[in-house]
Amino acid sequence: MKLKQYQKFVKKCALPQESKEKEIMTWGLGISGEAGDVAGCIKKTYCHKDNQVAGIKENLGDTLWYIAMICNHFDWTLDEVIEENVEKLQKRYPKGVNFKSAARGGKKVDWNERKENK
């Protein structure tokens, strides 16, 4: 299945929400919960020796569902989100990532403090 098809498909698997605000809150909080489930399965697999690898895969799929729904909410395509991310990473790490480039000169980038968001 192509990303565009998947993004259309997930709409059929979502309950209608009473408002756009409730919709984005549902998808935004949902992605956080699923990411936590991924982390929990990794912890159980590697720290507790309780194989949860299948759970990691399942919860990654659930996380992707929420990503697609957030994209649908904002009328973005998964392709454009991926393309923008690739462009950002290519600019940030033109020679590939290493410890020096990952440190970015010790500067923390905070999305909420960027000028274009004010």
Protein backbone atom coordinates (compact mmCIF):
# COMPACT_ATOMS: atom_id res chain seq x y z
CA MET A 1 0.00 0.00 0.00
CA LYS A 2 1.32 3.44 -0.91
CA LEU A 3 1.42 6.25 1.66
CA LYS A 4 -1.38 8.17 -0.10
CA GLN A 5 -3.61 5.09 -0.03
CA TYR A 6 -2.81 4.45 3.63
CA GLN A 7 -3.59 8.04 4.56
CA LYS A 8 -6.99 7.75 2.87
CA PHE A 9 -7.63 4.33 4.44
CA VAL A 10 -7.00 5.48 8.03
CA LYS A 11 -9.84 8.01 7.76
CA LYS A 12 -12.24 5.05 7.59
CA CYS A 13 -10.87 3.73 10.88
CA ALA A 14 -11.45 6.87 12.95
CA LEU A 15 -14.47 7.83 14.98
CA PRO A 16 -15.87 11.23 14.08
CA GLN A 17 -15.06 13.89 16.66
CA GLU A 18 -17.38 16.68 17.79
CA SER A 19 -14.98 19.44 16.73
CA LYS A 20 -11.69 20.04 14.94
CA GLU A 21 -10.16 20.97 18.31
CA LYS A 22 -11.23 17.67 19.89
CA GLU A 23 -10.01 15.84 16.79
CA ILE A 24 -6.44 17.20 16.95
CA MET A 25 -6.31 16.70 20.71
CA THR A 26 -7.38 13.08 20.24
CA TRP A 27 -4.75 12.43 17.57
CA GLY A 28 -2.04 14.39 19.41
CA LEU A 29 -2.59 12.62 22.72
CA GLY A 30 -3.02 9.29 20.97
CA ILE A 31 0.38 9.48 19.29
CA SER A 32 1.96 10.18 22.66
CA GLY A 33 0.31 7.11 24.19
CA GLU A 34 1.37 4.85 21.35
CA ALA A 35 4.95 6.14 21.48
CA GLY A 36 4.91 5.28 25.18
CA ASP A 37 3.73 1.78 24.33
CA VAL A 38 6.67 1.41 21.90
CA ALA A 39 9.05 2.50 24.67
CA GLY A 40 7.44 0.10 27.14
CA CYS A 41 7.82 -2.85 24.77
CA ILE A 42 11.47 -1.97 24.15
CA LYS A 43 12.11 -1.73 27.90
CA LYS A 44 10.41 -5.06 28.59
CA THR A 45 12.31 -6.73 25.74
CA TYR A 46 15.78 -5.49 26.64
CA CYS A 47 15.66 -4.73 30.38
CA HIS A 48 13.27 -7.44 31.59
CA LYS A 49 14.15 -10.14 29.04
CA ASP A 50 10.44 -10.40 28.12
CA ASN A 51 10.30 -10.56 24.32
CA GLN A 52 7.91 -7.83 23.18
CA VAL A 53 9.32 -7.37 19.67
CA ALA A 54 5.92 -8.08 18.09
CA GLY A 55 4.45 -5.38 20.35
CA ILE A 56 7.08 -2.91 19.17
CA LYS A 57 6.03 -3.50 15.57
CA GLU A 58 2.31 -3.32 16.35
CA ASN A 59 2.67 -0.10 18.32
CA LEU A 60 4.81 1.48 15.60
CA GLY A 61 1.88 0.81 13.27
CA ASP A 62 -0.51 2.44 15.73
CA THR A 63 1.83 5.43 16.00
CA LEU A 64 1.87 5.69 12.20
CA TRP A 65 -1.95 5.69 12.23
CA TYR A 66 -1.93 8.75 14.48
CA ILE A 67 0.72 10.44 12.33
CA ALA A 68 -1.48 9.91 9.28
CA MET A 69 -4.52 11.26 11.10
CA ILE A 70 -2.62 14.38 12.19
CA CYS A 71 -1.53 14.87 8.58
CA ASN A 72 -5.15 14.48 7.47
CA HIS A 73 -6.24 17.05 10.06
CA PHE A 74 -3.86 19.66 8.62
CA ASP A 75 -4.34 18.58 4.97
CA TRP A 76 -0.71 17.48 4.69
CA THR A 77 0.42 14.39 2.87
CA LEU A 78 2.75 11.88 4.50
CA ASP A 79 4.95 12.28 1.43
CA GLU A 80 5.41 16.02 2.00
CA VAL A 81 6.17 15.52 5.71
CA ILE A 82 8.79 12.90 4.81
CA GLU A 83 10.25 15.09 2.06
CA GLU A 84 10.58 18.11 4.39
CA ASN A 85 12.23 15.92 7.02
CA VAL A 86 14.70 14.52 4.48
CA GLU A 87 15.52 18.05 3.28
CA LYS A 88 16.13 19.21 6.87
CA LEU A 89 18.33 16.21 7.65
CA GLN A 90 20.33 16.62 4.44
CA LYS A 91 21.04 20.25 5.35
CA ARG A 92 21.87 19.40 8.95
CA TYR A 93 24.06 16.37 8.17
CA PRO A 94 25.37 16.78 4.61
CA LYS A 95 28.23 14.36 5.27
CA GLY A 96 26.20 12.01 7.46
CA VAL A 97 25.70 12.08 11.20
CA ASN A 98 28.47 11.70 13.75
CA PHE A 99 28.89 12.82 17.37
CA LYS A 100 30.24 16.22 16.36
CA SER A 101 27.47 17.03 13.88
CA ALA A 102 24.80 15.68 16.21
CA ALA A 103 25.94 18.08 18.95
CA ARG A 104 25.30 21.02 16.56
CA GLY A 105 27.86 23.16 18.30
CA GLY A 106 26.18 22.69 21.67
CA LYS A 107 23.13 24.70 20.56
CA LYS A 108 19.71 23.38 21.49
CA VAL A 109 17.06 24.05 18.90
CA ASP A 110 13.68 24.74 20.49
CA TRP A 111 10.86 24.80 17.97
CA ASN A 112 8.74 27.00 20.25
CA GLU A 113 11.42 29.71 20.31
CA ARG A 114 11.93 30.02 16.57
CA LYS A 115 11.26 33.54 15.25
CA GLU A 116 8.93 32.38 12.49
CA ASN A 117 6.55 30.97 15.14
CA LYS A 118 6.16 34.29 16.99
